[in-house]
């Protein structure tokens, strides 16, 4: 999935909490955005293995959420949103395709690494590749959910991310031809 889809998913997950406790909307949004993006910082390492924790990541997510419930503060809810969104990102990568640049020509059997079992999880391909039409559709739905709760500069970030998502999805298959081999 696109990084923006992961961000919108994180925002959609924390949206009900932000609606119920609007005083925490800002920290929740910041945490969800950070958590939606953070796992992909491993693009320069071994992508979907170094910073993706689809199984073990649920532990810090549950602990952080529990702490935020017991001791609600802007810091604890932001950390909880970050942990939950990062885990959701890693876990949902198994629902898509593999991390390769051109999954439509040479699909991989590696979606995301399971550190607990020491093996790669197979891609489900519900979303065939990042930037696929179904990825763009999911991004739109999740962005609308986020926009129903978050406003101000968060709404501007969501709308900007949505524009990037749609443009990226429109050009995704052509990007492979335009990408230098050393970058692949």
N, C-alpha and C. Protein backbone atom coordinates (compact mmCIF):
# COMPACT_ATOMS: atom_id res chain seq x y z
N UNK A 1 0.83 -1.19 0.00
CA UNK A 1 0.00 0.00 0.00
C UNK A 1 0.87 1.24 0.00
N UNK A 2 0.29 2.33 -0.47
CA UNK A 2 0.99 3.60 -0.47
C UNK A 2 1.19 4.07 0.97
N UNK A 3 2.25 4.83 1.18
CA UNK A 3 2.49 5.39 2.51
C UNK A 3 1.32 6.25 2.95
N UNK A 4 0.71 6.96 2.01
CA UNK A 4 -0.43 7.80 2.36
C UNK A 4 -1.62 6.96 2.82
N UNK A 5 -1.81 5.80 2.21
CA UNK A 5 -2.91 4.91 2.64
C UNK A 5 -2.67 4.47 4.08
N UNK A 6 -1.41 4.16 4.42
CA UNK A 6 -1.10 3.78 5.80
C UNK A 6 -1.36 4.93 6.76
N UNK A 7 -1.02 6.14 6.36
CA UNK A 7 -1.28 7.31 7.21
C UNK A 7 -2.78 7.50 7.40
N UNK A 8 -3.54 7.41 6.30
CA UNK A 8 -4.99 7.58 6.40
C UNK A 8 -5.61 6.48 7.27
N UNK A 9 -5.07 5.26 7.19
CA UNK A 9 -5.58 4.17 8.02
C UNK A 9 -5.33 4.47 9.50
N UNK A 10 -4.13 4.96 9.81
CA UNK A 10 -3.83 5.33 11.19
C UNK A 10 -4.76 6.42 11.69
N UNK A 11 -5.01 7.43 10.86
CA UNK A 11 -5.93 8.51 11.24
C UNK A 11 -7.36 7.99 11.41
N UNK A 12 -7.77 7.09 10.54
CA UNK A 12 -9.13 6.53 10.65
C UNK A 12 -9.30 5.71 11.92
N UNK A 13 -8.25 5.00 12.32
CA UNK A 13 -8.33 4.18 13.54
C UNK A 13 -8.45 5.05 14.79
N UNK A 14 -7.74 6.17 14.82
CA UNK A 14 -7.79 7.02 16.01
C UNK A 14 -8.93 8.04 15.95
N UNK A 15 -9.59 8.16 14.81
CA UNK A 15 -10.66 9.15 14.65
C UNK A 15 -11.77 9.02 15.69
N UNK A 16 -12.25 7.80 16.01
CA UNK A 16 -13.30 7.72 17.03
C UNK A 16 -12.85 8.25 18.39
N UNK A 17 -11.60 8.02 18.74
CA UNK A 17 -11.08 8.52 20.02
C UNK A 17 -10.99 10.04 19.97
N UNK A 18 -10.52 10.57 18.84
CA UNK A 18 -10.42 12.03 18.69
C UNK A 18 -11.80 12.68 18.73
N UNK A 19 -12.80 11.99 18.19
CA UNK A 19 -14.17 12.52 18.23
C UNK A 19 -14.70 12.54 19.66
N UNK A 20 -14.43 11.46 20.40
CA UNK A 20 -14.91 11.35 21.78
C UNK A 20 -14.13 12.25 22.74
N UNK A 21 -12.85 12.47 22.44
CA UNK A 21 -12.00 13.30 23.30
C UNK A 21 -11.27 14.32 22.44
N UNK A 22 -11.97 15.37 21.98
CA UNK A 22 -11.38 16.32 21.04
C UNK A 22 -10.14 17.04 21.57
N UNK A 23 -9.98 17.08 22.88
CA UNK A 23 -8.78 17.72 23.44
C UNK A 23 -7.51 16.95 23.07
N UNK A 24 -7.65 15.70 22.65
CA UNK A 24 -6.51 14.88 22.25
C UNK A 24 -6.41 14.70 20.74
N UNK A 25 -7.23 15.39 19.98
CA UNK A 25 -7.24 15.20 18.52
C UNK A 25 -5.88 15.50 17.91
N UNK A 26 -5.25 16.58 18.32
CA UNK A 26 -3.94 16.94 17.76
C UNK A 26 -2.87 15.88 18.02
N UNK A 27 -2.65 15.51 19.28
CA UNK A 27 -1.65 14.47 19.55
C UNK A 27 -1.98 13.13 18.88
N UNK A 28 -3.26 12.78 18.83
CA UNK A 28 -3.64 11.54 18.15
C UNK A 28 -3.27 11.59 16.67
N UNK A 29 -3.57 12.72 16.03
CA UNK A 29 -3.27 12.86 14.61
C UNK A 29 -1.77 12.84 14.35
N UNK A 30 -1.01 13.54 15.17
CA UNK A 30 0.45 13.54 15.00
C UNK A 30 1.00 12.13 15.17
N UNK A 31 0.56 11.43 16.20
CA UNK A 31 1.01 10.06 16.41
C UNK A 31 0.62 9.13 15.28
N UNK A 32 -0.62 9.25 14.80
CA UNK A 32 -1.09 8.38 13.71
C UNK A 32 -0.32 8.64 12.42
N UNK A 33 -0.05 9.89 12.13
CA UNK A 33 0.72 10.22 10.92
C UNK A 33 2.13 9.66 11.04
N UNK A 34 2.76 9.87 12.18
CA UNK A 34 4.12 9.34 12.40
C UNK A 34 4.16 7.82 12.33
N UNK A 35 3.19 7.17 12.96
CA UNK A 35 3.14 5.71 12.96
C UNK A 35 2.82 5.15 11.59
N UNK A 36 2.01 5.87 10.82
CA UNK A 36 1.70 5.42 9.46
C UNK A 36 2.90 5.49 8.54
N UNK A 37 3.80 6.41 8.81
CA UNK A 37 4.99 6.58 7.96
C UNK A 37 6.22 5.81 8.46
N UNK A 38 6.38 5.71 9.77
CA UNK A 38 7.63 5.21 10.37
C UNK A 38 8.14 3.87 9.83
N UNK A 39 7.30 2.86 9.67
CA UNK A 39 7.85 1.58 9.20
C UNK A 39 8.55 1.67 7.84
N UNK A 40 8.11 2.59 6.99
CA UNK A 40 8.73 2.69 5.67
C UNK A 40 10.08 3.40 5.68
N UNK A 41 10.55 3.82 6.84
CA UNK A 41 11.90 4.36 6.91
C UNK A 41 12.93 3.27 6.63
N UNK A 42 12.50 2.02 6.57
CA UNK A 42 13.42 0.93 6.24
C UNK A 42 13.60 0.75 4.73
N UNK A 43 13.08 1.66 3.94
CA UNK A 43 13.28 1.59 2.49
C UNK A 43 14.77 1.55 2.12
N UNK A 44 15.59 2.21 2.92
CA UNK A 44 17.03 2.23 2.63
C UNK A 44 17.75 1.03 3.24
N UNK A 45 17.05 0.22 4.00
CA UNK A 45 17.63 -0.98 4.61
C UNK A 45 17.01 -2.20 3.93
N UNK A 46 16.51 -3.15 4.68
CA UNK A 46 15.78 -4.26 4.08
C UNK A 46 14.30 -3.98 4.27
N UNK A 47 13.69 -3.47 3.20
CA UNK A 47 12.32 -3.00 3.27
C UNK A 47 11.37 -4.11 3.69
N UNK A 48 10.46 -3.73 4.58
CA UNK A 48 9.44 -4.59 5.17
C UNK A 48 10.03 -5.67 6.07
N UNK A 49 11.26 -5.47 6.50
CA UNK A 49 11.85 -6.36 7.49
C UNK A 49 12.48 -5.57 8.64
N UNK A 50 13.21 -4.53 8.32
CA UNK A 50 13.96 -3.81 9.35
C UNK A 50 13.06 -3.09 10.35
N UNK A 51 12.05 -2.37 9.89
CA UNK A 51 11.19 -1.58 10.79
C UNK A 51 9.73 -2.02 10.74
N UNK A 52 9.45 -3.16 10.15
CA UNK A 52 8.08 -3.68 10.09
C UNK A 52 7.97 -4.84 11.07
N UNK A 53 7.01 -4.76 11.97
CA UNK A 53 6.81 -5.80 12.99
C UNK A 53 5.34 -6.20 13.02
N UNK A 54 4.89 -7.00 12.05
CA UNK A 54 3.47 -7.31 11.94
C UNK A 54 2.92 -8.18 13.06
N UNK A 55 3.76 -8.97 13.71
CA UNK A 55 3.29 -9.85 14.78
C UNK A 55 3.67 -9.28 16.13
N UNK A 56 4.94 -9.09 16.37
CA UNK A 56 5.40 -8.62 17.67
C UNK A 56 5.02 -7.15 17.92
N UNK A 57 4.71 -6.40 16.87
CA UNK A 57 4.33 -5.00 17.01
C UNK A 57 3.04 -4.78 17.76
N UNK A 58 2.22 -5.81 17.87
CA UNK A 58 0.97 -5.67 18.61
C UNK A 58 1.24 -5.47 20.10
N UNK A 59 2.34 -5.99 20.60
CA UNK A 59 2.65 -5.87 22.03
C UNK A 59 2.86 -4.41 22.43
N UNK A 60 3.78 -3.66 21.78
CA UNK A 60 3.91 -2.25 22.17
C UNK A 60 2.64 -1.44 21.87
N UNK A 61 1.88 -1.84 20.84
CA UNK A 61 0.65 -1.11 20.53
C UNK A 61 -0.36 -1.26 21.67
N UNK A 62 -0.53 -2.49 22.16
CA UNK A 62 -1.47 -2.72 23.26
C UNK A 62 -0.98 -2.06 24.55
N UNK A 63 0.31 -2.18 24.83
CA UNK A 63 0.85 -1.56 26.05
C UNK A 63 0.71 -0.04 26.01
N UNK A 64 1.02 0.57 24.87
CA UNK A 64 0.91 2.03 24.74
C UNK A 64 -0.54 2.48 24.84
N UNK A 65 -1.45 1.73 24.22
CA UNK A 65 -2.87 2.07 24.31
C UNK A 65 -3.36 1.94 25.75
N UNK A 66 -2.91 0.89 26.43
CA UNK A 66 -3.28 0.72 27.84
C UNK A 66 -2.78 1.86 28.70
N UNK A 67 -1.55 2.27 28.48
CA UNK A 67 -1.00 3.40 29.23
C UNK A 67 -1.79 4.67 28.96
N UNK A 68 -2.17 4.89 27.69
CA UNK A 68 -2.94 6.09 27.35
C UNK A 68 -4.32 6.08 28.03
N UNK A 69 -4.89 4.91 28.20
CA UNK A 69 -6.19 4.81 28.88
C UNK A 69 -6.02 5.08 30.38
N UNK A 70 -4.96 4.52 30.96
CA UNK A 70 -4.72 4.68 32.40
C UNK A 70 -4.23 6.08 32.77
N UNK A 71 -3.38 6.64 31.92
CA UNK A 71 -2.78 7.95 32.19
C UNK A 71 -2.93 8.82 30.93
N UNK A 72 -4.14 9.29 30.66
CA UNK A 72 -4.34 10.07 29.44
C UNK A 72 -3.65 11.43 29.50
N UNK A 73 -2.80 11.66 28.55
CA UNK A 73 -2.13 12.95 28.41
C UNK A 73 -1.79 13.09 26.93
N UNK A 74 -1.46 14.30 26.48
CA UNK A 74 -1.09 14.45 25.07
C UNK A 74 0.07 13.53 24.66
N UNK A 75 1.03 13.34 25.53
CA UNK A 75 2.18 12.49 25.21
C UNK A 75 1.78 11.02 25.13
N UNK A 76 1.02 10.53 26.11
CA UNK A 76 0.67 9.10 26.10
C UNK A 76 -0.26 8.75 24.94
N UNK A 77 -1.20 9.65 24.60
CA UNK A 77 -2.09 9.32 23.48
C UNK A 77 -1.36 9.41 22.15
N UNK A 78 -0.40 10.33 22.04
CA UNK A 78 0.39 10.42 20.80
C UNK A 78 1.25 9.17 20.62
N UNK A 79 1.86 8.70 21.71
CA UNK A 79 2.68 7.48 21.64
C UNK A 79 1.80 6.28 21.31
N UNK A 80 0.63 6.21 21.90
CA UNK A 80 -0.29 5.11 21.61
C UNK A 80 -0.71 5.14 20.14
N UNK A 81 -1.07 6.30 19.63
CA UNK A 81 -1.46 6.41 18.23
C UNK A 81 -0.31 6.02 17.31
N UNK A 82 0.91 6.44 17.65
CA UNK A 82 2.08 6.07 16.86
C UNK A 82 2.28 4.56 16.85
N UNK A 83 2.22 3.94 18.02
CA UNK A 83 2.45 2.50 18.11
C UNK A 83 1.36 1.70 17.39
N UNK A 84 0.12 2.11 17.55
CA UNK A 84 -0.99 1.41 16.90
C UNK A 84 -0.91 1.57 15.38
N UNK A 85 -0.66 2.78 14.91
CA UNK A 85 -0.57 3.02 13.47
C UNK A 85 0.63 2.30 12.85
N UNK A 86 1.75 2.25 13.56
CA UNK A 86 2.93 1.54 13.04
C UNK A 86 2.66 0.04 12.96
N UNK A 87 2.00 -0.51 13.97
CA UNK A 87 1.65 -1.93 13.92
C UNK A 87 0.65 -2.20 12.80
N UNK A 88 -0.36 -1.36 12.69
CA UNK A 88 -1.36 -1.51 11.63
C UNK A 88 -0.70 -1.46 10.25
N UNK A 89 0.25 -0.55 10.07
CA UNK A 89 0.99 -0.45 8.82
C UNK A 89 1.68 -1.77 8.50
N UNK A 90 2.45 -2.27 9.45
CA UNK A 90 3.21 -3.51 9.23
C UNK A 90 2.28 -4.69 8.99
N UNK A 91 1.23 -4.81 9.77
CA UNK A 91 0.31 -5.94 9.61
C UNK A 91 -0.44 -5.86 8.29
N UNK A 92 -0.84 -4.68 7.88
CA UNK A 92 -1.61 -4.55 6.65
C UNK A 92 -0.76 -4.72 5.40
N UNK A 93 0.56 -4.61 5.51
CA UNK A 93 1.41 -4.87 4.35
C UNK A 93 1.29 -6.32 3.87
N UNK A 94 0.88 -7.22 4.74
CA UNK A 94 0.67 -8.61 4.33
C UNK A 94 -0.58 -8.75 3.46
N UNK A 95 -1.46 -7.77 3.49
CA UNK A 95 -2.68 -7.82 2.69
C UNK A 95 -2.44 -7.39 1.25
N UNK A 96 -1.32 -6.74 1.02
CA UNK A 96 -1.00 -6.27 -0.33
C UNK A 96 -0.05 -7.20 -1.04
N UNK A 97 0.65 -6.63 -2.01
CA UNK A 97 1.65 -7.38 -2.76
C UNK A 97 3.00 -7.28 -2.09
N UNK A 98 4.01 -7.76 -2.77
CA UNK A 98 5.37 -7.70 -2.24
C UNK A 98 5.98 -6.32 -2.41
N UNK A 99 7.20 -6.14 -1.93
CA UNK A 99 7.84 -4.83 -1.97
C UNK A 99 8.56 -4.50 -3.29
N UNK A 100 8.49 -5.39 -4.28
CA UNK A 100 9.23 -5.16 -5.52
C UNK A 100 8.66 -3.98 -6.31
N UNK A 101 9.49 -3.44 -7.19
CA UNK A 101 9.10 -2.27 -7.98
C UNK A 101 8.03 -2.60 -9.02
N UNK A 102 8.06 -3.81 -9.57
CA UNK A 102 7.14 -4.17 -10.66
C UNK A 102 6.43 -5.48 -10.36
N UNK A 103 5.57 -5.51 -9.38
CA UNK A 103 4.92 -6.75 -8.96
C UNK A 103 4.02 -7.37 -10.03
N UNK A 104 3.64 -6.62 -11.02
CA UNK A 104 2.78 -7.15 -12.07
C UNK A 104 3.56 -8.02 -13.06
N UNK A 105 4.91 -7.95 -13.07
CA UNK A 105 5.70 -8.79 -13.98
C UNK A 105 6.42 -9.92 -13.26
N UNK A 106 6.81 -9.69 -12.02
CA UNK A 106 7.58 -10.68 -11.29
C UNK A 106 7.19 -10.64 -9.82
N UNK A 107 5.99 -11.13 -9.50
CA UNK A 107 5.54 -11.02 -8.11
C UNK A 107 6.37 -11.86 -7.14
N UNK A 108 6.63 -11.29 -6.01
CA UNK A 108 7.41 -11.94 -4.96
C UNK A 108 6.48 -12.71 -4.03
N UNK A 109 7.05 -13.67 -3.31
CA UNK A 109 6.26 -14.38 -2.30
C UNK A 109 6.56 -13.84 -0.91
N UNK A 110 7.13 -12.63 -0.84
CA UNK A 110 7.47 -12.00 0.42
C UNK A 110 6.69 -10.70 0.58
N UNK A 111 5.82 -10.66 1.58
CA UNK A 111 5.07 -9.43 1.84
C UNK A 111 5.73 -8.63 2.96
N UNK A 112 5.87 -9.25 4.12
CA UNK A 112 6.44 -8.59 5.28
C UNK A 112 7.04 -9.67 6.19
N UNK A 113 8.12 -9.32 6.89
CA UNK A 113 8.85 -10.31 7.68
C UNK A 113 8.23 -10.47 9.06
N UNK A 114 8.05 -11.73 9.45
CA UNK A 114 7.54 -12.08 10.78
C UNK A 114 8.76 -12.41 11.65
N UNK A 115 9.12 -11.50 12.53
CA UNK A 115 10.29 -11.68 13.39
C UNK A 115 10.10 -12.78 14.43
N UNK A 116 8.86 -13.08 14.78
CA UNK A 116 8.58 -14.11 15.78
C UNK A 116 8.89 -15.49 15.21
N UNK A 117 8.41 -15.76 14.02
CA UNK A 117 8.61 -17.07 13.40
C UNK A 117 9.88 -17.13 12.54
N UNK A 118 10.50 -15.98 12.30
CA UNK A 118 11.72 -15.94 11.50
C UNK A 118 11.51 -16.27 10.03
N UNK A 119 10.39 -15.81 9.48
CA UNK A 119 10.11 -16.08 8.07
C UNK A 119 9.25 -14.95 7.49
N UNK A 120 9.21 -14.91 6.16
CA UNK A 120 8.40 -13.91 5.48
C UNK A 120 6.95 -14.37 5.40
N UNK A 121 6.03 -13.46 5.61
CA UNK A 121 4.62 -13.72 5.39
C UNK A 121 4.33 -13.55 3.90
N UNK A 122 3.47 -14.39 3.38
CA UNK A 122 3.12 -14.33 1.97
C UNK A 122 2.15 -13.18 1.71
N UNK A 123 2.28 -12.53 0.56
CA UNK A 123 1.34 -11.45 0.24
C UNK A 123 -0.05 -12.00 -0.10
N UNK A 124 -1.07 -11.34 0.39
CA UNK A 124 -2.45 -11.75 0.09
C UNK A 124 -2.94 -11.13 -1.22
N UNK A 125 -2.33 -10.00 -1.59
CA UNK A 125 -2.63 -9.29 -2.84
C UNK A 125 -4.08 -8.79 -2.94
N UNK A 126 -4.69 -8.48 -1.79
CA UNK A 126 -5.99 -7.83 -1.84
C UNK A 126 -5.82 -6.47 -2.50
N UNK A 127 -4.68 -5.86 -2.23
CA UNK A 127 -4.25 -4.67 -2.96
C UNK A 127 -3.00 -5.12 -3.69
N UNK A 128 -3.08 -5.22 -5.01
CA UNK A 128 -2.05 -5.89 -5.80
C UNK A 128 -0.67 -5.28 -5.66
N UNK A 129 -0.59 -3.97 -5.56
CA UNK A 129 0.70 -3.28 -5.42
C UNK A 129 0.41 -1.86 -4.95
N UNK A 130 1.43 -1.20 -4.41
CA UNK A 130 1.22 0.18 -3.96
C UNK A 130 0.90 1.06 -5.17
N UNK A 131 -0.12 1.85 -5.05
CA UNK A 131 -0.55 2.70 -6.14
C UNK A 131 -1.53 2.03 -7.10
N UNK A 132 -1.94 0.80 -6.82
CA UNK A 132 -2.95 0.13 -7.65
C UNK A 132 -4.28 0.88 -7.51
N UNK A 133 -5.18 0.72 -8.47
CA UNK A 133 -6.47 1.42 -8.37
C UNK A 133 -7.21 1.14 -7.05
N UNK A 134 -7.14 -0.11 -6.57
CA UNK A 134 -7.82 -0.42 -5.31
C UNK A 134 -7.12 0.25 -4.12
N UNK A 135 -5.83 0.50 -4.23
CA UNK A 135 -5.10 1.23 -3.19
C UNK A 135 -5.59 2.68 -3.16
N UNK A 136 -5.72 3.28 -4.34
CA UNK A 136 -6.21 4.66 -4.41
C UNK A 136 -7.64 4.75 -3.86
N UNK A 137 -8.48 3.77 -4.19
CA UNK A 137 -9.86 3.78 -3.68
C UNK A 137 -9.89 3.67 -2.16
N UNK A 138 -9.06 2.78 -1.61
CA UNK A 138 -8.98 2.64 -0.15
C UNK A 138 -8.47 3.93 0.48
N UNK A 139 -7.48 4.56 -0.15
CA UNK A 139 -6.96 5.83 0.36
C UNK A 139 -8.06 6.89 0.43
N UNK A 140 -8.89 6.96 -0.60
CA UNK A 140 -9.98 7.94 -0.62
C UNK A 140 -10.96 7.67 0.53
N UNK A 141 -11.37 6.42 0.71
CA UNK A 141 -12.32 6.07 1.77
C UNK A 141 -11.74 6.41 3.14
N UNK A 142 -10.49 6.02 3.38
CA UNK A 142 -9.87 6.28 4.69
C UNK A 142 -9.65 7.77 4.91
N UNK A 143 -9.31 8.51 3.85
CA UNK A 143 -9.12 9.95 3.97
C UNK A 143 -10.44 10.64 4.32
N UNK A 144 -11.53 10.19 3.73
CA UNK A 144 -12.84 10.78 4.04
C UNK A 144 -13.17 10.54 5.52
N UNK A 145 -12.87 9.33 6.02
CA UNK A 145 -13.09 9.06 7.44
C UNK A 145 -12.26 10.01 8.30
N UNK A 146 -11.00 10.20 7.94
CA UNK A 146 -10.13 11.10 8.70
C UNK A 146 -10.64 12.54 8.63
N UNK A 147 -11.09 12.96 7.44
CA UNK A 147 -11.57 14.34 7.28
C UNK A 147 -12.86 14.60 8.04
N UNK A 148 -13.60 13.54 8.36
CA UNK A 148 -14.84 13.72 9.11
C UNK A 148 -14.59 14.11 10.56
N UNK A 149 -13.35 13.93 11.03
CA UNK A 149 -13.03 14.24 12.43
C UNK A 149 -11.97 15.32 12.56
N UNK A 150 -10.91 15.22 11.76
CA UNK A 150 -9.79 16.14 11.90
C UNK A 150 -9.98 17.36 11.01
N UNK A 151 -9.62 18.53 11.55
CA UNK A 151 -9.73 19.75 10.76
C UNK A 151 -8.44 20.55 10.86
N UNK A 152 -8.47 21.77 10.41
CA UNK A 152 -7.29 22.63 10.47
C UNK A 152 -6.17 22.11 9.59
N UNK A 153 -4.95 22.22 10.09
CA UNK A 153 -3.82 21.80 9.26
C UNK A 153 -3.79 20.30 9.04
N UNK A 154 -4.44 19.52 9.92
CA UNK A 154 -4.51 18.07 9.71
C UNK A 154 -5.34 17.76 8.46
N UNK A 155 -6.43 18.50 8.28
CA UNK A 155 -7.24 18.32 7.08
C UNK A 155 -6.44 18.71 5.84
N UNK A 156 -5.64 19.75 5.94
CA UNK A 156 -4.80 20.16 4.80
C UNK A 156 -3.78 19.08 4.47
N UNK A 157 -3.20 18.45 5.50
CA UNK A 157 -2.26 17.35 5.28
C UNK A 157 -2.96 16.18 4.60
N UNK A 158 -4.16 15.85 5.06
CA UNK A 158 -4.91 14.74 4.46
C UNK A 158 -5.25 15.05 3.01
N UNK A 159 -5.74 16.25 2.74
CA UNK A 159 -6.08 16.62 1.36
C UNK A 159 -4.85 16.63 0.46
N UNK A 160 -3.74 17.15 0.97
CA UNK A 160 -2.50 17.12 0.20
C UNK A 160 -2.04 15.69 -0.07
N UNK A 161 -2.12 14.84 0.96
CA UNK A 161 -1.75 13.44 0.80
C UNK A 161 -2.67 12.72 -0.17
N UNK A 162 -3.93 13.08 -0.15
CA UNK A 162 -4.89 12.48 -1.07
C UNK A 162 -4.56 12.87 -2.51
N UNK A 163 -4.21 14.11 -2.73
CA UNK A 163 -3.81 14.56 -4.07
C UNK A 163 -2.58 13.80 -4.55
N UNK A 164 -1.59 13.66 -3.67
CA UNK A 164 -0.37 12.90 -4.01
C UNK A 164 -0.73 11.46 -4.33
N UNK A 165 -1.62 10.87 -3.55
CA UNK A 165 -2.04 9.48 -3.76
C UNK A 165 -2.65 9.28 -5.14
N UNK A 166 -3.54 10.16 -5.50
CA UNK A 166 -4.24 10.02 -6.78
C UNK A 166 -3.29 10.20 -7.95
N UNK A 167 -2.40 11.19 -7.86
CA UNK A 167 -1.41 11.40 -8.93
C UNK A 167 -0.47 10.20 -9.01
N UNK A 168 0.02 9.75 -7.86
CA UNK A 168 0.92 8.59 -7.83
C UNK A 168 0.25 7.36 -8.43
N UNK A 169 -0.99 7.09 -8.05
CA UNK A 169 -1.70 5.94 -8.58
C UNK A 169 -1.87 6.06 -10.10
N UNK A 170 -2.06 7.26 -10.58
CA UNK A 170 -2.20 7.47 -12.02
C UNK A 170 -0.93 7.17 -12.81
N UNK A 171 0.21 7.38 -12.17
CA UNK A 171 1.49 7.19 -12.86
C UNK A 171 2.26 5.97 -12.38
N UNK A 172 1.75 5.23 -11.43
CA UNK A 172 2.51 4.17 -10.76
C UNK A 172 3.17 3.18 -11.72
N UNK A 173 2.44 2.66 -12.67
CA UNK A 173 3.02 1.64 -13.56
C UNK A 173 4.08 2.23 -14.48
N UNK A 174 3.97 3.50 -14.80
CA UNK A 174 4.99 4.14 -15.66
C UNK A 174 6.27 4.46 -14.88
N UNK A 175 6.16 4.57 -13.56
CA UNK A 175 7.32 4.94 -12.76
C UNK A 175 8.46 3.92 -12.86
N UNK A 176 8.13 2.66 -13.07
CA UNK A 176 9.16 1.62 -13.17
C UNK A 176 10.08 1.91 -14.35
N UNK A 177 9.51 2.29 -15.46
CA UNK A 177 10.32 2.61 -16.65
C UNK A 177 11.17 3.85 -16.42
N UNK A 178 10.71 4.76 -15.61
CA UNK A 178 11.43 6.01 -15.36
C UNK A 178 12.45 5.91 -14.23
N UNK A 179 12.44 4.80 -13.47
CA UNK A 179 13.32 4.67 -12.32
C UNK A 179 14.67 4.09 -12.74
N UNK A 180 15.78 4.74 -12.36
CA UNK A 180 17.09 4.18 -12.68
C UNK A 180 17.30 2.82 -11.98
N UNK A 181 18.03 1.94 -12.63
CA UNK A 181 18.23 0.59 -12.08
C UNK A 181 18.86 0.61 -10.70
N UNK A 182 19.81 1.52 -10.46
CA UNK A 182 20.50 1.54 -9.16
C UNK A 182 19.54 1.87 -8.02
N UNK A 183 18.44 2.53 -8.32
CA UNK A 183 17.49 2.90 -7.30
C UNK A 183 16.54 1.75 -6.97
N UNK A 184 16.35 0.84 -7.90
CA UNK A 184 15.44 -0.28 -7.68
C UNK A 184 15.99 -1.18 -6.60
